[in-house]
């Protein structure tokens, strides 16, 4: 398999690219109907139209998050600790599974109680192929993008679909 990042021709079944170390496990883009030689896959995340992240503190309530997501038509809110560091993410799925289903009061439930802690992040220099891998293998719909440890945006599955529709 050719690495979508550096182009190295790897032995079929290799988990890591022998040249750049990219995780190749489960990255079978041909199964998705994509050409693994397509340069779009090597596009860095910084070159994509990343969405502006919605950020609330760990002490904010689920009601605060729901209202913010409604106002901005987004499916997630990123959660920062008191020092401004990314500590979690709350998605629509989290609201359904961790708040509504167990009957918790969204006005009294703090984000730190129901958020997904320590979310998987990518760097803005990472290639789109890495984001596709995380989305496909782990089932993420929203990936936070960092630059020098700071949240600078996020990539949504909707943005990725629009990108491939335009290509």
N, C-alpha and C. Protein backbone atom coordinates (compact mmCIF):
# COMPACT_ATOMS: atom_id res chain seq x y z
N UNK A 1 0.85 -1.18 0.00
CA UNK A 1 0.00 0.00 0.00
C UNK A 1 0.89 1.24 0.00
N UNK A 2 0.55 2.18 -0.85
CA UNK A 2 1.28 3.45 -0.86
C UNK A 2 0.73 4.34 0.25
N UNK A 3 1.64 4.94 1.01
CA UNK A 3 1.26 5.84 2.09
C UNK A 3 0.62 7.09 1.48
N UNK A 4 -0.58 7.48 1.94
CA UNK A 4 -1.22 8.67 1.39
C UNK A 4 -0.53 9.97 1.78
N UNK A 5 0.38 9.91 2.75
CA UNK A 5 1.09 11.12 3.18
C UNK A 5 2.37 11.34 2.39
N UNK A 6 3.24 10.31 2.37
CA UNK A 6 4.55 10.50 1.75
C UNK A 6 4.73 9.74 0.44
N UNK A 7 3.80 8.83 0.13
CA UNK A 7 3.89 8.09 -1.11
C UNK A 7 4.73 6.83 -1.05
N UNK A 8 5.33 6.54 0.09
CA UNK A 8 6.18 5.36 0.24
C UNK A 8 5.38 4.09 -0.09
N UNK A 9 6.00 3.20 -0.89
CA UNK A 9 5.37 1.94 -1.21
C UNK A 9 5.68 0.95 -0.09
N UNK A 10 4.66 0.63 0.71
CA UNK A 10 4.83 -0.25 1.87
C UNK A 10 4.36 -1.66 1.53
N UNK A 11 4.85 -2.63 2.28
CA UNK A 11 4.44 -4.02 2.12
C UNK A 11 2.97 -4.11 2.52
N UNK A 12 2.13 -4.78 1.71
CA UNK A 12 0.72 -4.92 2.08
C UNK A 12 0.57 -5.50 3.49
N UNK A 13 -0.31 -4.92 4.28
CA UNK A 13 -0.55 -5.37 5.64
C UNK A 13 0.27 -4.65 6.69
N UNK A 14 1.21 -3.79 6.28
CA UNK A 14 2.00 -3.02 7.25
C UNK A 14 1.07 -2.10 8.04
N UNK A 15 1.31 -1.98 9.34
CA UNK A 15 0.51 -1.09 10.18
C UNK A 15 1.02 0.34 10.16
N UNK A 16 2.35 0.51 9.95
CA UNK A 16 2.95 1.84 9.93
C UNK A 16 3.76 2.02 8.66
N UNK A 17 3.72 3.23 8.11
CA UNK A 17 4.55 3.54 6.95
C UNK A 17 6.02 3.44 7.35
N UNK A 18 6.80 2.75 6.53
CA UNK A 18 8.21 2.56 6.83
C UNK A 18 9.00 3.85 6.69
N UNK A 19 8.47 4.83 5.96
CA UNK A 19 9.19 6.08 5.72
C UNK A 19 8.81 7.17 6.72
N UNK A 20 7.50 7.43 6.87
CA UNK A 20 7.09 8.57 7.71
C UNK A 20 6.40 8.17 9.01
N UNK A 21 6.08 6.88 9.18
CA UNK A 21 5.48 6.42 10.42
C UNK A 21 3.97 6.58 10.51
N UNK A 22 3.31 7.00 9.41
CA UNK A 22 1.85 7.16 9.46
C UNK A 22 1.19 5.83 9.79
N UNK A 23 0.15 5.88 10.60
CA UNK A 23 -0.63 4.69 10.95
C UNK A 23 -1.44 4.27 9.74
N UNK A 24 -1.15 3.10 9.20
CA UNK A 24 -1.85 2.60 8.02
C UNK A 24 -2.90 1.55 8.36
N UNK A 25 -2.95 1.13 9.61
CA UNK A 25 -3.87 0.07 10.02
C UNK A 25 -5.31 0.47 9.74
N UNK A 26 -5.99 -0.33 8.96
CA UNK A 26 -7.39 -0.07 8.67
C UNK A 26 -7.63 1.03 7.66
N UNK A 27 -6.57 1.60 7.12
CA UNK A 27 -6.72 2.71 6.18
C UNK A 27 -6.80 2.15 4.77
N UNK A 28 -7.96 1.67 4.43
CA UNK A 28 -8.17 1.10 3.10
C UNK A 28 -9.08 2.04 2.32
N UNK A 29 -8.49 3.12 1.85
CA UNK A 29 -9.30 4.16 1.19
C UNK A 29 -9.92 3.66 -0.10
N UNK A 30 -9.35 2.61 -0.71
CA UNK A 30 -9.95 2.08 -1.94
C UNK A 30 -11.36 1.54 -1.66
N UNK A 31 -11.56 1.00 -0.45
CA UNK A 31 -12.87 0.48 -0.08
C UNK A 31 -13.90 1.60 0.00
N UNK A 32 -13.44 2.83 0.19
CA UNK A 32 -14.35 3.97 0.25
C UNK A 32 -14.60 4.57 -1.14
N UNK A 33 -13.99 3.98 -2.17
CA UNK A 33 -14.13 4.52 -3.50
C UNK A 33 -13.21 5.70 -3.78
N UNK A 34 -12.14 5.84 -2.98
CA UNK A 34 -11.18 6.92 -3.17
C UNK A 34 -9.90 6.37 -3.76
N UNK A 35 -9.24 7.16 -4.55
CA UNK A 35 -7.96 6.79 -5.13
C UNK A 35 -6.87 7.10 -4.11
N UNK A 36 -6.13 6.09 -3.64
CA UNK A 36 -5.10 6.36 -2.62
C UNK A 36 -3.97 7.24 -3.12
N UNK A 37 -3.86 7.42 -4.43
CA UNK A 37 -2.83 8.30 -4.98
C UNK A 37 -3.32 9.75 -5.08
N UNK A 38 -4.58 9.98 -4.75
CA UNK A 38 -5.17 11.32 -4.84
C UNK A 38 -4.45 12.27 -3.89
N UNK A 39 -4.01 13.41 -4.41
CA UNK A 39 -3.28 14.37 -3.58
C UNK A 39 -4.17 15.04 -2.54
N UNK A 40 -5.49 14.94 -2.68
CA UNK A 40 -6.39 15.52 -1.69
C UNK A 40 -6.13 14.89 -0.33
N UNK A 41 -5.81 13.60 -0.30
CA UNK A 41 -5.57 12.92 0.96
C UNK A 41 -4.34 13.43 1.69
N UNK A 42 -3.39 14.00 0.95
CA UNK A 42 -2.18 14.54 1.56
C UNK A 42 -2.34 16.01 1.95
N UNK A 43 -3.47 16.61 1.62
CA UNK A 43 -3.73 18.00 1.99
C UNK A 43 -3.66 18.14 3.50
N UNK A 44 -2.95 19.15 3.97
CA UNK A 44 -2.87 19.34 5.42
C UNK A 44 -4.18 19.93 5.94
N UNK A 45 -4.46 19.66 7.19
CA UNK A 45 -5.69 20.16 7.80
C UNK A 45 -5.73 21.68 7.83
N UNK A 46 -4.54 22.30 7.91
CA UNK A 46 -4.48 23.77 7.91
C UNK A 46 -4.99 24.35 6.60
N UNK A 47 -4.95 23.56 5.53
CA UNK A 47 -5.40 24.04 4.22
C UNK A 47 -6.89 23.80 3.98
N UNK A 48 -7.56 23.24 4.95
CA UNK A 48 -8.99 22.95 4.81
C UNK A 48 -9.81 24.03 5.52
N UNK A 49 -11.08 24.14 5.15
CA UNK A 49 -11.95 25.11 5.82
C UNK A 49 -12.41 24.58 7.18
N UNK A 50 -11.53 24.69 8.17
CA UNK A 50 -11.87 24.21 9.51
C UNK A 50 -12.97 25.08 10.10
N UNK A 51 -13.79 24.46 10.91
CA UNK A 51 -14.86 25.20 11.57
C UNK A 51 -14.33 25.85 12.85
N UNK A 52 -14.92 26.97 13.18
CA UNK A 52 -14.58 27.68 14.42
C UNK A 52 -15.17 26.90 15.59
N UNK A 53 -14.35 26.53 16.56
CA UNK A 53 -14.87 25.72 17.67
C UNK A 53 -15.68 26.54 18.66
N UNK A 54 -16.72 25.92 19.17
CA UNK A 54 -17.48 26.49 20.28
C UNK A 54 -16.84 25.95 21.55
N UNK A 55 -16.50 26.82 22.49
CA UNK A 55 -15.78 26.40 23.69
C UNK A 55 -16.49 26.91 24.94
N UNK A 56 -16.68 26.00 25.88
CA UNK A 56 -17.23 26.34 27.19
C UNK A 56 -16.31 25.76 28.25
N UNK A 57 -16.45 26.24 29.47
CA UNK A 57 -15.63 25.72 30.57
C UNK A 57 -16.25 24.46 31.15
N UNK A 58 -15.43 23.71 31.87
CA UNK A 58 -15.90 22.46 32.49
C UNK A 58 -17.05 22.69 33.46
N UNK A 59 -17.14 23.88 34.02
CA UNK A 59 -18.20 24.16 34.99
C UNK A 59 -19.50 24.63 34.34
N UNK A 60 -19.50 24.84 33.02
CA UNK A 60 -20.73 25.22 32.33
C UNK A 60 -21.71 24.05 32.38
N UNK A 61 -22.98 24.34 32.16
CA UNK A 61 -23.99 23.28 32.20
C UNK A 61 -24.29 22.75 30.81
N UNK A 62 -24.92 21.60 30.79
CA UNK A 62 -25.35 21.01 29.53
C UNK A 62 -26.34 21.93 28.83
N UNK A 63 -27.19 22.61 29.60
CA UNK A 63 -28.13 23.57 29.00
C UNK A 63 -27.38 24.68 28.26
N UNK A 64 -26.28 25.16 28.84
CA UNK A 64 -25.46 26.17 28.18
C UNK A 64 -24.94 25.64 26.84
N UNK A 65 -24.48 24.39 26.85
CA UNK A 65 -23.92 23.78 25.65
C UNK A 65 -24.99 23.59 24.58
N UNK A 66 -26.16 23.11 24.99
CA UNK A 66 -27.25 22.90 24.04
C UNK A 66 -27.64 24.21 23.38
N UNK A 67 -27.77 25.25 24.17
CA UNK A 67 -28.15 26.57 23.63
C UNK A 67 -27.10 27.06 22.64
N UNK A 68 -25.83 26.91 22.96
CA UNK A 68 -24.75 27.35 22.08
C UNK A 68 -24.74 26.55 20.78
N UNK A 69 -24.94 25.24 20.88
CA UNK A 69 -24.98 24.40 19.68
C UNK A 69 -26.17 24.79 18.79
N UNK A 70 -27.32 25.07 19.40
CA UNK A 70 -28.50 25.49 18.64
C UNK A 70 -28.24 26.81 17.92
N UNK A 71 -27.68 27.79 18.63
CA UNK A 71 -27.42 29.10 18.05
C UNK A 71 -26.49 29.03 16.84
N UNK A 72 -25.51 28.15 16.90
CA UNK A 72 -24.48 28.09 15.85
C UNK A 72 -24.65 26.90 14.90
N UNK A 73 -25.73 26.14 15.07
CA UNK A 73 -26.01 24.99 14.20
C UNK A 73 -24.83 24.04 14.12
N UNK A 74 -24.26 23.71 15.27
CA UNK A 74 -23.14 22.78 15.34
C UNK A 74 -23.50 21.61 16.25
N UNK A 75 -22.85 20.49 16.04
CA UNK A 75 -23.16 19.28 16.78
C UNK A 75 -22.28 18.99 17.96
N UNK A 76 -21.39 19.93 18.30
CA UNK A 76 -20.52 19.68 19.45
C UNK A 76 -20.04 20.99 20.06
N UNK A 77 -19.61 20.85 21.32
CA UNK A 77 -18.99 21.95 22.05
C UNK A 77 -17.72 21.39 22.67
N UNK A 78 -16.63 22.11 22.55
CA UNK A 78 -15.38 21.70 23.16
C UNK A 78 -15.31 22.29 24.56
N UNK A 79 -14.71 21.54 25.46
CA UNK A 79 -14.71 21.92 26.87
C UNK A 79 -13.27 22.17 27.30
N UNK A 80 -13.06 23.33 27.93
CA UNK A 80 -11.71 23.67 28.38
C UNK A 80 -11.66 23.71 29.90
N UNK A 81 -10.47 23.42 30.43
CA UNK A 81 -10.30 23.51 31.88
C UNK A 81 -10.12 24.98 32.25
N UNK A 82 -9.90 25.25 33.52
CA UNK A 82 -9.78 26.63 33.98
C UNK A 82 -8.58 27.35 33.38
N UNK A 83 -7.59 26.60 32.92
CA UNK A 83 -6.41 27.20 32.29
C UNK A 83 -6.55 27.39 30.79
N UNK A 84 -7.72 27.03 30.23
CA UNK A 84 -7.95 27.19 28.81
C UNK A 84 -7.50 26.02 27.96
N UNK A 85 -7.04 24.93 28.59
CA UNK A 85 -6.58 23.75 27.86
C UNK A 85 -7.77 22.86 27.52
N UNK A 86 -7.77 22.30 26.32
CA UNK A 86 -8.83 21.39 25.89
C UNK A 86 -8.87 20.18 26.82
N UNK A 87 -10.03 19.93 27.41
CA UNK A 87 -10.13 18.79 28.31
C UNK A 87 -11.22 17.81 27.92
N UNK A 88 -12.10 18.22 26.98
CA UNK A 88 -13.15 17.31 26.57
C UNK A 88 -13.99 17.86 25.44
N UNK A 89 -14.97 17.05 25.04
CA UNK A 89 -15.91 17.45 24.01
C UNK A 89 -17.28 16.90 24.40
N UNK A 90 -18.31 17.68 24.14
CA UNK A 90 -19.68 17.24 24.35
C UNK A 90 -20.37 17.29 23.00
N UNK A 91 -20.89 16.15 22.58
CA UNK A 91 -21.58 16.06 21.29
C UNK A 91 -23.07 15.84 21.51
N UNK A 92 -23.81 15.93 20.41
CA UNK A 92 -25.25 15.65 20.48
C UNK A 92 -25.48 14.23 21.00
N UNK A 93 -24.64 13.31 20.57
CA UNK A 93 -24.76 11.91 21.03
C UNK A 93 -24.59 11.82 22.54
N UNK A 94 -23.63 12.59 23.07
CA UNK A 94 -23.40 12.59 24.52
C UNK A 94 -24.64 13.10 25.26
N UNK A 95 -25.26 14.13 24.71
CA UNK A 95 -26.46 14.69 25.36
C UNK A 95 -27.56 13.63 25.41
N UNK A 96 -27.74 12.91 24.33
CA UNK A 96 -28.79 11.88 24.29
C UNK A 96 -28.45 10.73 25.24
N UNK A 97 -27.22 10.21 25.12
CA UNK A 97 -26.85 9.00 25.87
C UNK A 97 -26.54 9.25 27.35
N UNK A 98 -25.95 10.40 27.66
CA UNK A 98 -25.49 10.62 29.03
C UNK A 98 -26.32 11.60 29.84
N UNK A 99 -27.23 12.30 29.16
CA UNK A 99 -28.06 13.27 29.88
C UNK A 99 -29.54 12.88 29.75
N UNK A 100 -30.05 12.86 28.52
CA UNK A 100 -31.48 12.59 28.33
C UNK A 100 -31.87 11.17 28.73
N UNK A 101 -31.13 10.17 28.26
CA UNK A 101 -31.50 8.77 28.54
C UNK A 101 -31.53 8.47 30.04
N UNK A 102 -30.52 8.90 30.81
CA UNK A 102 -30.60 8.62 32.26
C UNK A 102 -31.49 9.60 33.03
N UNK A 103 -32.06 10.59 32.35
CA UNK A 103 -32.97 11.53 33.00
C UNK A 103 -32.29 12.60 33.84
N UNK A 104 -31.08 13.00 33.46
CA UNK A 104 -30.37 14.05 34.21
C UNK A 104 -30.94 15.42 33.85
N UNK A 105 -30.85 16.34 34.76
CA UNK A 105 -31.31 17.71 34.54
C UNK A 105 -30.21 18.48 33.81
N UNK A 106 -30.44 18.88 32.55
CA UNK A 106 -29.41 19.59 31.79
C UNK A 106 -29.02 20.93 32.41
N UNK A 107 -29.92 21.53 33.16
CA UNK A 107 -29.62 22.81 33.80
C UNK A 107 -28.72 22.68 35.02
N UNK A 108 -28.61 21.49 35.56
CA UNK A 108 -27.79 21.27 36.74
C UNK A 108 -26.59 20.36 36.49
N UNK A 109 -26.56 19.75 35.33
CA UNK A 109 -25.47 18.84 35.00
C UNK A 109 -24.32 19.61 34.38
N UNK A 110 -23.17 19.52 35.02
CA UNK A 110 -21.98 20.24 34.52
C UNK A 110 -21.34 19.43 33.39
N UNK A 111 -20.71 20.14 32.46
CA UNK A 111 -20.10 19.48 31.31
C UNK A 111 -19.07 18.44 31.71
N UNK A 112 -18.29 18.72 32.74
CA UNK A 112 -17.24 17.79 33.15
C UNK A 112 -17.81 16.44 33.59
N UNK A 113 -19.10 16.39 33.92
CA UNK A 113 -19.73 15.15 34.36
C UNK A 113 -20.11 14.24 33.20
N UNK A 114 -20.33 14.82 32.02
CA UNK A 114 -20.87 14.03 30.91
C UNK A 114 -20.09 14.14 29.60
N UNK A 115 -19.07 14.97 29.58
CA UNK A 115 -18.28 15.15 28.35
C UNK A 115 -17.44 13.90 28.09
N UNK A 116 -16.97 13.79 26.86
CA UNK A 116 -15.97 12.78 26.54
C UNK A 116 -14.62 13.42 26.87
N UNK A 117 -13.93 12.90 27.90
CA UNK A 117 -12.67 13.53 28.30
C UNK A 117 -11.52 13.17 27.37
N UNK A 118 -10.51 14.04 27.36
CA UNK A 118 -9.28 13.81 26.60
C UNK A 118 -9.54 13.34 25.17
N UNK A 119 -10.21 14.16 24.36
CA UNK A 119 -10.54 13.72 23.01
C UNK A 119 -9.29 13.54 22.16
N UNK A 120 -9.41 12.65 21.18
CA UNK A 120 -8.35 12.48 20.19
C UNK A 120 -8.22 13.80 19.44
N UNK A 121 -7.00 14.27 19.28
CA UNK A 121 -6.75 15.53 18.56
C UNK A 121 -5.79 15.29 17.42
N UNK A 122 -5.82 16.19 16.47
CA UNK A 122 -4.85 16.19 15.38
C UNK A 122 -4.19 17.56 15.35
N UNK A 123 -3.04 17.61 14.70
CA UNK A 123 -2.31 18.87 14.54
C UNK A 123 -2.67 19.47 13.19
N UNK A 124 -2.58 20.78 13.07
CA UNK A 124 -2.99 21.43 11.82
C UNK A 124 -2.09 21.02 10.64
N UNK A 125 -0.88 20.50 10.92
CA UNK A 125 0.02 20.06 9.85
C UNK A 125 -0.27 18.64 9.40
N UNK A 126 -1.13 17.91 10.12
CA UNK A 126 -1.44 16.53 9.77
C UNK A 126 -2.21 16.47 8.46
N UNK A 127 -2.05 15.37 7.72
CA UNK A 127 -2.76 15.23 6.44
C UNK A 127 -4.22 14.82 6.65
N UNK A 128 -5.04 15.14 5.69
CA UNK A 128 -6.45 14.76 5.71
C UNK A 128 -6.60 13.25 5.87
N UNK A 129 -5.69 12.48 5.29
CA UNK A 129 -5.76 11.02 5.40
C UNK A 129 -5.80 10.58 6.86
N UNK A 130 -5.05 11.24 7.73
CA UNK A 130 -5.05 10.87 9.15
C UNK A 130 -6.42 11.13 9.77
N UNK A 131 -7.03 12.25 9.40
CA UNK A 131 -8.37 12.57 9.92
C UNK A 131 -9.39 11.54 9.44
N UNK A 132 -9.31 11.17 8.16
CA UNK A 132 -10.22 10.16 7.63
C UNK A 132 -10.05 8.84 8.37
N UNK A 133 -8.81 8.50 8.67
CA UNK A 133 -8.53 7.27 9.40
C UNK A 133 -9.19 7.30 10.78
N UNK A 134 -9.02 8.38 11.51
CA UNK A 134 -9.61 8.49 12.85
C UNK A 134 -11.14 8.45 12.75
N UNK A 135 -11.70 9.16 11.78
CA UNK A 135 -13.15 9.18 11.63
C UNK A 135 -13.67 7.79 11.26
N UNK A 136 -12.99 7.13 10.34
CA UNK A 136 -13.45 5.82 9.89
C UNK A 136 -13.26 4.72 10.91
N UNK A 137 -12.10 4.66 11.53
CA UNK A 137 -11.79 3.59 12.47
C UNK A 137 -12.48 3.80 13.81
N UNK A 138 -12.44 5.02 14.32
CA UNK A 138 -12.96 5.29 15.66
C UNK A 138 -14.39 5.83 15.67
N UNK A 139 -14.92 6.21 14.51
CA UNK A 139 -16.29 6.68 14.43
C UNK A 139 -16.51 8.11 14.89
N UNK A 140 -15.44 8.92 14.89
CA UNK A 140 -15.59 10.32 15.29
C UNK A 140 -16.23 11.13 14.17
N UNK A 141 -17.10 12.05 14.54
CA UNK A 141 -17.69 12.97 13.57
C UNK A 141 -17.10 14.37 13.67
N UNK A 142 -16.40 14.64 14.78
CA UNK A 142 -15.79 15.95 15.00
C UNK A 142 -14.39 15.73 15.57
N UNK A 143 -13.38 16.29 14.93
CA UNK A 143 -12.01 16.14 15.40
C UNK A 143 -11.41 17.51 15.71
N UNK A 144 -11.01 17.73 16.96
CA UNK A 144 -10.37 19.01 17.30
C UNK A 144 -8.97 19.10 16.69
N UNK A 145 -8.64 20.28 16.16
CA UNK A 145 -7.35 20.52 15.53
C UNK A 145 -6.58 21.50 16.39
N UNK A 146 -5.34 21.12 16.73
CA UNK A 146 -4.50 21.93 17.60
C UNK A 146 -3.33 22.52 16.83
N UNK A 147 -2.84 23.65 17.33
CA UNK A 147 -1.61 24.27 16.87
C UNK A 147 -0.87 24.72 18.12
N UNK A 148 0.29 24.15 18.34
CA UNK A 148 1.07 24.44 19.56
C UNK A 148 0.23 24.23 20.82
N UNK A 149 -0.57 23.17 20.83
CA UNK A 149 -1.37 22.84 22.00
C UNK A 149 -2.65 23.62 22.16
N UNK A 150 -2.89 24.58 21.26
CA UNK A 150 -4.10 25.41 21.34
C UNK A 150 -5.13 24.96 20.30
N UNK A 151 -6.38 24.92 20.70
CA UNK A 151 -7.47 24.56 19.81
C UNK A 151 -7.66 25.67 18.78
N UNK A 152 -7.48 25.34 17.50
CA UNK A 152 -7.60 26.36 16.45
C UNK A 152 -8.80 26.12 15.53
N UNK A 153 -9.44 24.99 15.67
CA UNK A 153 -10.58 24.67 14.83
C UNK A 153 -10.94 23.22 14.99
N UNK A 154 -11.93 22.80 14.21
CA UNK A 154 -12.24 21.37 14.20
C UNK A 154 -12.71 20.98 12.82
N UNK A 155 -12.52 19.71 12.54
CA UNK A 155 -12.92 19.15 11.26
C UNK A 155 -14.14 18.29 11.50
N UNK A 156 -15.18 18.52 10.74
CA UNK A 156 -16.39 17.72 10.88
C UNK A 156 -16.53 16.80 9.68
N UNK A 157 -17.23 15.72 9.86
CA UNK A 157 -17.46 14.78 8.77
C UNK A 157 -18.22 15.49 7.64
N UNK A 158 -19.06 16.44 7.98
CA UNK A 158 -19.80 17.20 6.95
C UNK A 158 -18.84 17.99 6.06
N UNK A 159 -17.82 18.60 6.66
CA UNK A 159 -16.82 19.34 5.88
C UNK A 159 -16.08 18.39 4.94
N UNK A 160 -15.73 17.22 5.43
CA UNK A 160 -15.02 16.23 4.61
C UNK A 160 -15.89 15.80 3.44
N UNK A 161 -17.16 15.53 3.69
CA UNK A 161 -18.06 15.12 2.61
C UNK A 161 -18.21 16.22 1.56
N UNK A 162 -18.31 17.46 2.00
CA UNK A 162 -18.40 18.58 1.06
C UNK A 162 -17.13 18.69 0.22
N UNK A 163 -15.98 18.47 0.86
CA UNK A 163 -14.71 18.54 0.17
C UNK A 163 -14.64 17.51 -0.96
N UNK A 164 -15.04 16.29 -0.67
CA UNK A 164 -14.99 15.24 -1.71
C UNK A 164 -16.08 15.42 -2.76
N UNK A 165 -17.18 16.02 -2.40
CA UNK A 165 -18.22 16.30 -3.38
C UNK A 165 -17.75 17.33 -4.39
N UNK A 166 -16.91 18.29 -3.94
CA UNK A 166 -16.40 19.34 -4.83
C UNK A 166 -15.25 18.84 -5.69
N UNK A 167 -14.53 17.82 -5.22
CA UNK A 167 -13.33 17.34 -5.94
C UNK A 167 -13.69 16.62 -7.21
